[in-house]
Amino acid sequence: MIGYACVMIVYTTEGHALLDTHDERLAGDLDSIDLSGRDLRRADLAGFDLSDANLRFTNLQNADLYWAIMFRTDCTRADLRDALLCGADLKEVNFDQSDLRGANLAHDSVGGATQLQGASLAGAQLDGADLTGAEYDDATVFPDSFDPQAHAMGEVFR
């Protein structure tokens, strides 16, 4: 199947236009895009490919990132409070100093785990975040004194 290029518009969870990329992309493809510092509160990015994107200092509060692919995305100092990240591929994401308070990183609706292998959460705020069943490995970096097992996370061995 051939994908059709179109101007990519991102909407809020209420259906309001939030962002126009002003370029031609396949639907749901924001791979390698620079959205640093943008206000994307309540953005509906469920299932989007944000691999290698720059989301440094981006406000993604209450964003829907369910099943999003965010491999190697830079989310340094991003605001992800109350964001929905269930089932997302967050492998090697840089969450250093990010605010993930109240975010949902638990199992998705079919029991799939959120993937945090190799992610860096150094200095991240995780108070109230649901990490139940989220998977991590020995390369995952957590904030000081954070215990993944106490948050019902599952370790994956390489």
N, C-alpha and C. Protein backbone atom coordinates (compact mmCIF):
# COMPACT_ATOMS: atom_id res chain seq x y z
N MET A 1 0.84 -1.18 0.00
CA MET A 1 0.00 0.00 0.00
C MET A 1 0.88 1.24 0.00
N ILE A 2 0.56 2.19 -0.79
CA ILE A 2 1.30 3.44 -0.88
C ILE A 2 0.62 4.46 0.02
N GLY A 3 1.43 5.10 0.91
CA GLY A 3 0.88 6.14 1.77
C GLY A 3 0.75 7.43 0.98
N TYR A 4 -0.21 8.22 1.34
CA TYR A 4 -0.43 9.49 0.67
C TYR A 4 0.11 10.60 1.54
N ALA A 5 0.87 11.49 0.94
CA ALA A 5 1.43 12.62 1.67
C ALA A 5 0.35 13.68 1.84
N CYS A 6 0.38 14.31 2.96
CA CYS A 6 -0.56 15.39 3.22
C CYS A 6 0.08 16.31 4.25
N VAL A 7 -0.49 17.47 4.42
CA VAL A 7 -0.02 18.36 5.46
C VAL A 7 -0.45 17.75 6.78
N MET A 8 0.48 17.59 7.70
CA MET A 8 0.21 16.95 8.98
C MET A 8 -0.31 17.98 9.96
N ILE A 9 -1.51 17.76 10.47
CA ILE A 9 -2.09 18.60 11.50
C ILE A 9 -2.31 17.75 12.72
N VAL A 10 -1.86 18.23 13.88
CA VAL A 10 -2.05 17.54 15.14
C VAL A 10 -3.21 18.22 15.85
N TYR A 11 -4.09 17.41 16.40
CA TYR A 11 -5.28 17.92 17.08
C TYR A 11 -5.21 17.67 18.57
N THR A 12 -5.99 18.41 19.34
CA THR A 12 -6.13 18.13 20.76
C THR A 12 -7.08 16.96 20.92
N THR A 13 -7.17 16.44 22.13
CA THR A 13 -8.09 15.34 22.40
C THR A 13 -9.54 15.79 22.24
N GLU A 14 -9.79 17.10 22.18
CA GLU A 14 -11.13 17.62 21.94
C GLU A 14 -11.41 17.90 20.47
N GLY A 15 -10.41 17.66 19.60
CA GLY A 15 -10.60 17.84 18.17
C GLY A 15 -10.22 19.21 17.63
N HIS A 16 -9.56 20.04 18.42
CA HIS A 16 -9.14 21.35 17.96
C HIS A 16 -7.74 21.26 17.34
N ALA A 17 -7.53 21.95 16.22
CA ALA A 17 -6.22 21.94 15.57
C ALA A 17 -5.20 22.59 16.51
N LEU A 18 -4.06 21.92 16.68
CA LEU A 18 -3.05 22.38 17.62
C LEU A 18 -1.73 22.71 16.94
N LEU A 19 -1.39 21.97 15.88
CA LEU A 19 -0.10 22.12 15.24
C LEU A 19 -0.20 21.73 13.78
N ASP A 20 0.32 22.57 12.91
CA ASP A 20 0.44 22.26 11.49
C ASP A 20 1.94 22.19 11.20
N THR A 21 2.40 21.03 10.75
CA THR A 21 3.85 20.86 10.52
C THR A 21 4.35 21.63 9.30
N HIS A 22 3.46 22.09 8.45
CA HIS A 22 3.81 22.84 7.24
C HIS A 22 4.74 22.06 6.32
N ASP A 23 4.61 20.75 6.35
CA ASP A 23 5.36 19.92 5.41
C ASP A 23 4.52 18.69 5.08
N GLU A 24 4.97 17.96 4.10
CA GLU A 24 4.23 16.77 3.70
C GLU A 24 4.77 15.56 4.43
N ARG A 25 3.92 14.92 5.20
CA ARG A 25 4.27 13.73 5.96
C ARG A 25 3.15 12.73 5.82
N LEU A 26 3.51 11.48 5.98
CA LEU A 26 2.48 10.45 6.05
C LEU A 26 1.73 10.61 7.36
N ALA A 27 0.48 10.28 7.36
CA ALA A 27 -0.33 10.41 8.57
C ALA A 27 0.33 9.69 9.74
N GLY A 28 0.46 10.39 10.86
CA GLY A 28 1.02 9.80 12.06
C GLY A 28 2.54 9.78 12.12
N ASP A 29 3.23 10.30 11.11
CA ASP A 29 4.68 10.24 11.07
C ASP A 29 5.29 11.59 11.43
N LEU A 30 5.81 11.66 12.64
CA LEU A 30 6.53 12.86 13.08
C LEU A 30 7.97 12.51 13.42
N ASP A 31 8.48 11.47 12.79
CA ASP A 31 9.85 11.01 12.99
C ASP A 31 10.83 12.16 12.78
N SER A 32 11.74 12.34 13.72
CA SER A 32 12.83 13.31 13.65
C SER A 32 12.39 14.77 13.63
N ILE A 33 11.17 15.06 13.97
CA ILE A 33 10.68 16.45 13.96
C ILE A 33 11.19 17.21 15.17
N ASP A 34 11.40 18.49 15.03
CA ASP A 34 11.80 19.35 16.14
C ASP A 34 10.58 20.12 16.64
N LEU A 35 10.08 19.70 17.80
CA LEU A 35 8.95 20.37 18.43
C LEU A 35 9.37 20.94 19.78
N SER A 36 10.65 21.20 19.93
CA SER A 36 11.17 21.68 21.21
C SER A 36 10.49 22.98 21.62
N GLY A 37 10.12 23.02 22.90
CA GLY A 37 9.54 24.23 23.47
C GLY A 37 8.10 24.51 23.08
N ARG A 38 7.48 23.64 22.31
CA ARG A 38 6.10 23.87 21.86
C ARG A 38 5.10 23.59 22.97
N ASP A 39 3.94 24.20 22.88
CA ASP A 39 2.84 23.94 23.80
C ASP A 39 1.90 22.95 23.11
N LEU A 40 2.03 21.68 23.50
CA LEU A 40 1.21 20.62 22.90
C LEU A 40 0.31 19.99 23.96
N ARG A 41 -0.13 20.81 24.92
CA ARG A 41 -1.05 20.30 25.93
C ARG A 41 -2.27 19.67 25.26
N ARG A 42 -2.65 18.48 25.77
CA ARG A 42 -3.83 17.75 25.32
C ARG A 42 -3.72 17.27 23.86
N ALA A 43 -2.51 17.23 23.31
CA ALA A 43 -2.32 16.76 21.93
C ALA A 43 -2.72 15.29 21.81
N ASP A 44 -3.38 14.96 20.73
CA ASP A 44 -3.75 13.57 20.44
C ASP A 44 -2.69 13.00 19.51
N LEU A 45 -1.71 12.32 20.11
CA LEU A 45 -0.60 11.74 19.36
C LEU A 45 -0.60 10.22 19.51
N ALA A 46 -1.75 9.67 19.78
CA ALA A 46 -1.88 8.22 19.97
C ALA A 46 -1.44 7.50 18.70
N GLY A 47 -0.49 6.56 18.86
CA GLY A 47 -0.01 5.77 17.75
C GLY A 47 0.95 6.49 16.82
N PHE A 48 1.28 7.73 17.07
CA PHE A 48 2.19 8.48 16.20
C PHE A 48 3.62 7.96 16.34
N ASP A 49 4.40 8.12 15.27
CA ASP A 49 5.82 7.81 15.30
C ASP A 49 6.58 9.10 15.55
N LEU A 50 7.14 9.19 16.76
CA LEU A 50 7.93 10.35 17.16
C LEU A 50 9.39 9.97 17.38
N SER A 51 9.82 8.88 16.75
CA SER A 51 11.20 8.42 16.91
C SER A 51 12.19 9.53 16.56
N ASP A 52 13.22 9.66 17.39
CA ASP A 52 14.28 10.64 17.17
C ASP A 52 13.81 12.09 17.16
N ALA A 53 12.61 12.35 17.65
CA ALA A 53 12.09 13.72 17.68
C ALA A 53 12.76 14.51 18.80
N ASN A 54 12.75 15.82 18.66
CA ASN A 54 13.25 16.72 19.69
C ASN A 54 12.03 17.33 20.39
N LEU A 55 11.79 16.85 21.62
CA LEU A 55 10.68 17.36 22.44
C LEU A 55 11.20 18.03 23.71
N ARG A 56 12.43 18.53 23.64
CA ARG A 56 13.02 19.20 24.80
C ARG A 56 12.16 20.41 25.18
N PHE A 57 11.86 20.52 26.48
CA PHE A 57 11.10 21.65 27.03
C PHE A 57 9.68 21.75 26.47
N THR A 58 9.17 20.70 25.87
CA THR A 58 7.83 20.72 25.27
C THR A 58 6.78 20.44 26.33
N ASN A 59 5.66 21.16 26.26
CA ASN A 59 4.55 20.94 27.19
C ASN A 59 3.61 19.92 26.56
N LEU A 60 3.64 18.72 27.12
CA LEU A 60 2.76 17.63 26.66
C LEU A 60 1.82 17.21 27.79
N GLN A 61 1.49 18.16 28.63
CA GLN A 61 0.61 17.87 29.75
C GLN A 61 -0.74 17.37 29.23
N ASN A 62 -1.21 16.25 29.79
CA ASN A 62 -2.48 15.62 29.41
C ASN A 62 -2.50 15.15 27.96
N ALA A 63 -1.35 14.99 27.33
CA ALA A 63 -1.30 14.51 25.94
C ALA A 63 -1.64 13.02 25.89
N ASP A 64 -2.22 12.61 24.78
CA ASP A 64 -2.52 11.19 24.54
C ASP A 64 -1.42 10.64 23.64
N LEU A 65 -0.53 9.85 24.24
CA LEU A 65 0.59 9.24 23.53
C LEU A 65 0.47 7.71 23.60
N TYR A 66 -0.76 7.23 23.70
CA TYR A 66 -1.04 5.81 23.77
C TYR A 66 -0.46 5.13 22.53
N TRP A 67 0.33 4.07 22.72
CA TRP A 67 0.97 3.30 21.66
C TRP A 67 1.88 4.14 20.76
N ALA A 68 2.31 5.29 21.23
CA ALA A 68 3.24 6.11 20.43
C ALA A 68 4.60 5.42 20.35
N ILE A 69 5.28 5.63 19.25
CA ILE A 69 6.63 5.12 19.05
C ILE A 69 7.56 6.32 19.24
N MET A 70 8.33 6.27 20.32
CA MET A 70 9.18 7.41 20.66
C MET A 70 10.64 7.00 20.82
N PHE A 71 11.06 5.99 20.10
CA PHE A 71 12.42 5.47 20.19
C PHE A 71 13.44 6.60 20.03
N ARG A 72 14.33 6.71 21.01
CA ARG A 72 15.43 7.70 21.03
C ARG A 72 14.96 9.16 20.99
N THR A 73 13.75 9.43 21.39
CA THR A 73 13.25 10.81 21.43
C THR A 73 13.88 11.56 22.60
N ASP A 74 14.18 12.83 22.41
CA ASP A 74 14.74 13.65 23.48
C ASP A 74 13.61 14.44 24.14
N CYS A 75 13.26 14.02 25.35
CA CYS A 75 12.21 14.67 26.14
C CYS A 75 12.80 15.38 27.37
N THR A 76 14.04 15.82 27.26
CA THR A 76 14.67 16.51 28.38
C THR A 76 13.82 17.69 28.82
N ARG A 77 13.52 17.73 30.12
CA ARG A 77 12.75 18.81 30.75
C ARG A 77 11.36 19.01 30.14
N ALA A 78 10.82 17.98 29.53
CA ALA A 78 9.46 18.06 28.99
C ALA A 78 8.44 17.95 30.12
N ASP A 79 7.29 18.57 29.94
CA ASP A 79 6.19 18.49 30.90
C ASP A 79 5.21 17.44 30.39
N LEU A 80 5.23 16.28 31.02
CA LEU A 80 4.36 15.17 30.64
C LEU A 80 3.40 14.83 31.78
N ARG A 81 3.07 15.82 32.60
CA ARG A 81 2.14 15.57 33.69
C ARG A 81 0.81 15.05 33.15
N ASP A 82 0.34 13.97 33.77
CA ASP A 82 -0.96 13.38 33.44
C ASP A 82 -1.07 12.91 31.99
N ALA A 83 0.05 12.70 31.33
CA ALA A 83 0.04 12.19 29.95
C ALA A 83 -0.30 10.69 29.94
N LEU A 84 -0.90 10.25 28.86
CA LEU A 84 -1.24 8.84 28.67
C LEU A 84 -0.18 8.22 27.77
N LEU A 85 0.62 7.31 28.33
CA LEU A 85 1.74 6.70 27.60
C LEU A 85 1.64 5.17 27.62
N CYS A 86 0.46 4.63 27.85
CA CYS A 86 0.29 3.17 27.93
C CYS A 86 0.70 2.51 26.62
N GLY A 87 1.49 1.44 26.73
CA GLY A 87 1.89 0.67 25.56
C GLY A 87 2.85 1.37 24.64
N ALA A 88 3.38 2.52 25.04
CA ALA A 88 4.28 3.28 24.17
C ALA A 88 5.67 2.64 24.12
N ASP A 89 6.34 2.81 22.98
CA ASP A 89 7.73 2.39 22.82
C ASP A 89 8.59 3.58 23.23
N LEU A 90 9.12 3.51 24.44
CA LEU A 90 9.93 4.59 25.00
C LEU A 90 11.38 4.16 25.17
N LYS A 91 11.80 3.21 24.35
CA LYS A 91 13.17 2.72 24.45
C LYS A 91 14.16 3.84 24.12
N GLU A 92 15.15 3.98 24.99
CA GLU A 92 16.24 4.94 24.83
C GLU A 92 15.78 6.40 24.80
N VAL A 93 14.59 6.67 25.32
CA VAL A 93 14.12 8.06 25.42
C VAL A 93 14.87 8.77 26.54
N ASN A 94 15.19 10.02 26.32
CA ASN A 94 15.83 10.83 27.34
C ASN A 94 14.75 11.65 28.05
N PHE A 95 14.40 11.22 29.27
CA PHE A 95 13.43 11.92 30.10
C PHE A 95 14.13 12.70 31.21
N ASP A 96 15.42 13.00 31.07
CA ASP A 96 16.16 13.68 32.12
C ASP A 96 15.45 14.98 32.53
N GLN A 97 15.24 15.12 33.84
CA GLN A 97 14.62 16.32 34.42
C GLN A 97 13.18 16.56 33.94
N SER A 98 12.53 15.56 33.37
CA SER A 98 11.15 15.73 32.89
C SER A 98 10.16 15.57 34.04
N ASP A 99 8.98 16.13 33.85
CA ASP A 99 7.91 16.05 34.84
C ASP A 99 6.88 15.03 34.35
N LEU A 100 6.89 13.86 34.98
CA LEU A 100 5.96 12.78 34.63
C LEU A 100 4.97 12.52 35.76
N ARG A 101 4.77 13.50 36.63
CA ARG A 101 3.83 13.31 37.74
C ARG A 101 2.43 13.01 37.21
N GLY A 102 1.85 11.93 37.72
CA GLY A 102 0.50 11.56 37.33
C GLY A 102 0.39 10.92 35.96
N ALA A 103 1.50 10.73 35.26
CA ALA A 103 1.45 10.11 33.92
C ALA A 103 1.10 8.63 34.04
N ASN A 104 0.46 8.11 33.01
CA ASN A 104 0.07 6.70 32.99
C ASN A 104 0.95 5.95 32.00
N LEU A 105 1.85 5.13 32.53
CA LEU A 105 2.74 4.30 31.73
C LEU A 105 2.46 2.83 31.97
N ALA A 106 1.28 2.52 32.44
CA ALA A 106 0.90 1.14 32.78
C ALA A 106 0.59 0.35 31.51
N HIS A 107 0.14 -0.91 31.70
CA HIS A 107 -0.24 -1.76 30.58
C HIS A 107 -1.27 -1.08 29.67
N ASP A 108 -1.25 -1.42 28.39
CA ASP A 108 -2.27 -0.92 27.48
C ASP A 108 -3.53 -1.78 27.63
N SER A 109 -4.53 -1.55 26.82
CA SER A 109 -5.82 -2.22 26.96
C SER A 109 -5.78 -3.70 26.62
N VAL A 110 -4.72 -4.16 25.96
CA VAL A 110 -4.60 -5.59 25.63
C VAL A 110 -3.47 -6.25 26.42
N GLY A 111 -3.00 -5.57 27.46
CA GLY A 111 -1.98 -6.14 28.34
C GLY A 111 -0.56 -5.92 27.91
N GLY A 112 -0.34 -5.14 26.86
CA GLY A 112 1.02 -4.85 26.40
C GLY A 112 1.71 -3.86 27.33
N ALA A 113 3.00 -4.05 27.49
CA ALA A 113 3.77 -3.22 28.40
C ALA A 113 4.35 -1.99 27.72
N THR A 114 4.45 -0.92 28.47
CA THR A 114 5.19 0.25 28.04
C THR A 114 6.67 -0.11 28.11
N GLN A 115 7.42 0.23 27.08
CA GLN A 115 8.82 -0.18 26.95
C GLN A 115 9.75 0.97 27.35
N LEU A 116 10.51 0.77 28.43
CA LEU A 116 11.45 1.79 28.90
C LEU A 116 12.90 1.30 28.87
N GLN A 117 13.19 0.27 28.09
CA GLN A 117 14.55 -0.26 28.03
C GLN A 117 15.51 0.82 27.52
N GLY A 118 16.57 1.04 28.30
CA GLY A 118 17.59 2.00 27.89
C GLY A 118 17.19 3.45 28.07
N ALA A 119 16.01 3.72 28.59
CA ALA A 119 15.57 5.11 28.79
C ALA A 119 16.31 5.73 29.97
N SER A 120 16.46 7.04 29.93
CA SER A 120 17.05 7.76 31.05
C SER A 120 15.97 8.62 31.71
N LEU A 121 15.73 8.33 32.99
CA LEU A 121 14.77 9.08 33.79
C LEU A 121 15.50 9.82 34.91
N ALA A 122 16.78 10.11 34.69
CA ALA A 122 17.59 10.78 35.70
C ALA A 122 16.96 12.13 36.06
N GLY A 123 16.68 12.30 37.34
CA GLY A 123 16.11 13.57 37.79
C GLY A 123 14.66 13.78 37.43
N ALA A 124 14.01 12.80 36.81
CA ALA A 124 12.60 12.95 36.43
C ALA A 124 11.72 12.93 37.67
N GLN A 125 10.63 13.66 37.61
CA GLN A 125 9.64 13.65 38.68
C GLN A 125 8.59 12.60 38.35
N LEU A 126 8.48 11.58 39.21
CA LEU A 126 7.60 10.45 38.94
C LEU A 126 6.50 10.29 39.98
N ASP A 127 6.32 11.26 40.86
CA ASP A 127 5.29 11.16 41.89
C ASP A 127 3.91 10.96 41.25
N GLY A 128 3.23 9.91 41.69
CA GLY A 128 1.87 9.65 41.21
C GLY A 128 1.81 9.03 39.83
N ALA A 129 2.95 8.78 39.20
CA ALA A 129 2.95 8.13 37.88
C ALA A 129 2.61 6.65 38.06
N ASP A 130 1.82 6.10 37.15
CA ASP A 130 1.49 4.67 37.18
C ASP A 130 2.42 3.96 36.22
N LEU A 131 3.34 3.18 36.78
CA LEU A 131 4.34 2.45 36.00
C LEU A 131 4.10 0.95 36.06
N THR A 132 2.92 0.54 36.48
CA THR A 132 2.60 -0.87 36.64
C THR A 132 2.83 -1.64 35.35
N GLY A 133 3.72 -2.62 35.40
CA GLY A 133 4.00 -3.47 34.25
C GLY A 133 4.93 -2.89 33.21
N ALA A 134 5.32 -1.62 33.38
CA ALA A 134 6.26 -1.03 32.42
C ALA A 134 7.58 -1.80 32.49
N GLU A 135 8.19 -2.03 31.34
CA GLU A 135 9.41 -2.84 31.28
C GLU A 135 10.65 -1.96 31.20
N TYR A 136 11.68 -2.41 31.92
CA TYR A 136 12.96 -1.72 31.93
C TYR A 136 14.07 -2.77 31.86
N ASP A 137 15.30 -2.33 31.64
CA ASP A 137 16.43 -3.25 31.64
C ASP A 137 17.59 -2.62 32.41
N ASP A 138 18.73 -3.29 32.39
CA ASP A 138 19.87 -2.80 33.17
C ASP A 138 20.45 -1.49 32.62
N ALA A 139 20.05 -1.09 31.43
CA ALA A 139 20.51 0.18 30.86
C ALA A 139 19.57 1.34 31.19
N THR A 140 18.42 1.06 31.78
CA THR A 140 17.48 2.10 32.16
C THR A 140 18.02 2.84 33.37
N VAL A 141 18.00 4.17 33.32
CA VAL A 141 18.50 4.99 34.41
C VAL A 141 17.30 5.62 35.12
N PHE A 142 17.24 5.43 36.44
CA PHE A 142 16.14 5.96 37.25
C PHE A 142 16.63 7.10 38.14
N PRO A 143 15.70 7.91 38.65
CA PRO A 143 16.09 8.94 39.62
C PRO A 143 16.69 8.29 40.87
N ASP A 144 17.50 9.03 41.57
CA ASP A 144 18.09 8.54 42.82
C ASP A 144 16.99 8.03 43.74
N SER A 145 17.24 6.92 44.37
CA SER A 145 16.37 6.27 45.35
C SER A 145 15.05 5.74 44.77
N PHE A 146 14.90 5.72 43.46
CA PHE A 146 13.69 5.15 42.84
C PHE A 146 13.84 3.64 42.76
N ASP A 147 12.82 2.91 43.20
CA ASP A 147 12.83 1.45 43.18
C ASP A 147 11.79 0.96 42.17
N PRO A 148 12.21 0.49 41.00
CA PRO A 148 11.24 0.05 39.98
C PRO A 148 10.36 -1.11 40.45
N GLN A 149 10.89 -1.99 41.26
CA GLN A 149 10.09 -3.12 41.73
C GLN A 149 8.98 -2.65 42.67
N ALA A 150 9.23 -1.60 43.44
CA ALA A 150 8.20 -1.05 44.32
C ALA A 150 7.05 -0.43 43.52
N HIS A 151 7.30 -0.14 42.26
CA HIS A 151 6.28 0.43 41.36
C HIS A 151 5.72 -0.61 40.41
N ALA A 152 5.97 -1.90 40.73
CA ALA A 152 5.44 -3.04 39.97
C ALA A 152 5.88 -3.04 38.51
N MET A 153 7.10 -2.57 38.27
CA MET A 153 7.67 -2.60 36.93
C MET A 153 8.31 -3.97 36.70
N GLY A 154 8.47 -4.34 35.46
CA GLY A 154 9.05 -5.63 35.12
C GLY A 154 10.41 -5.49 34.44
N GLU A 155 11.40 -6.17 35.00
CA GLU A 155 12.74 -6.12 34.40
C GLU A 155 12.85 -7.11 33.25
N VAL A 156 13.41 -6.65 32.14
CA VAL A 156 13.65 -7.48 30.97
C VAL A 156 15.16 -7.70 30.89
N PHE A 157 15.55 -8.93 30.70
CA PHE A 157 16.98 -9.25 30.64
C PHE A 157 17.39 -9.40 29.19
N ARG A 158 18.56 -8.83 28.87
CA ARG A 158 19.06 -8.90 27.49
C ARG A 158 19.65 -10.24 27.21
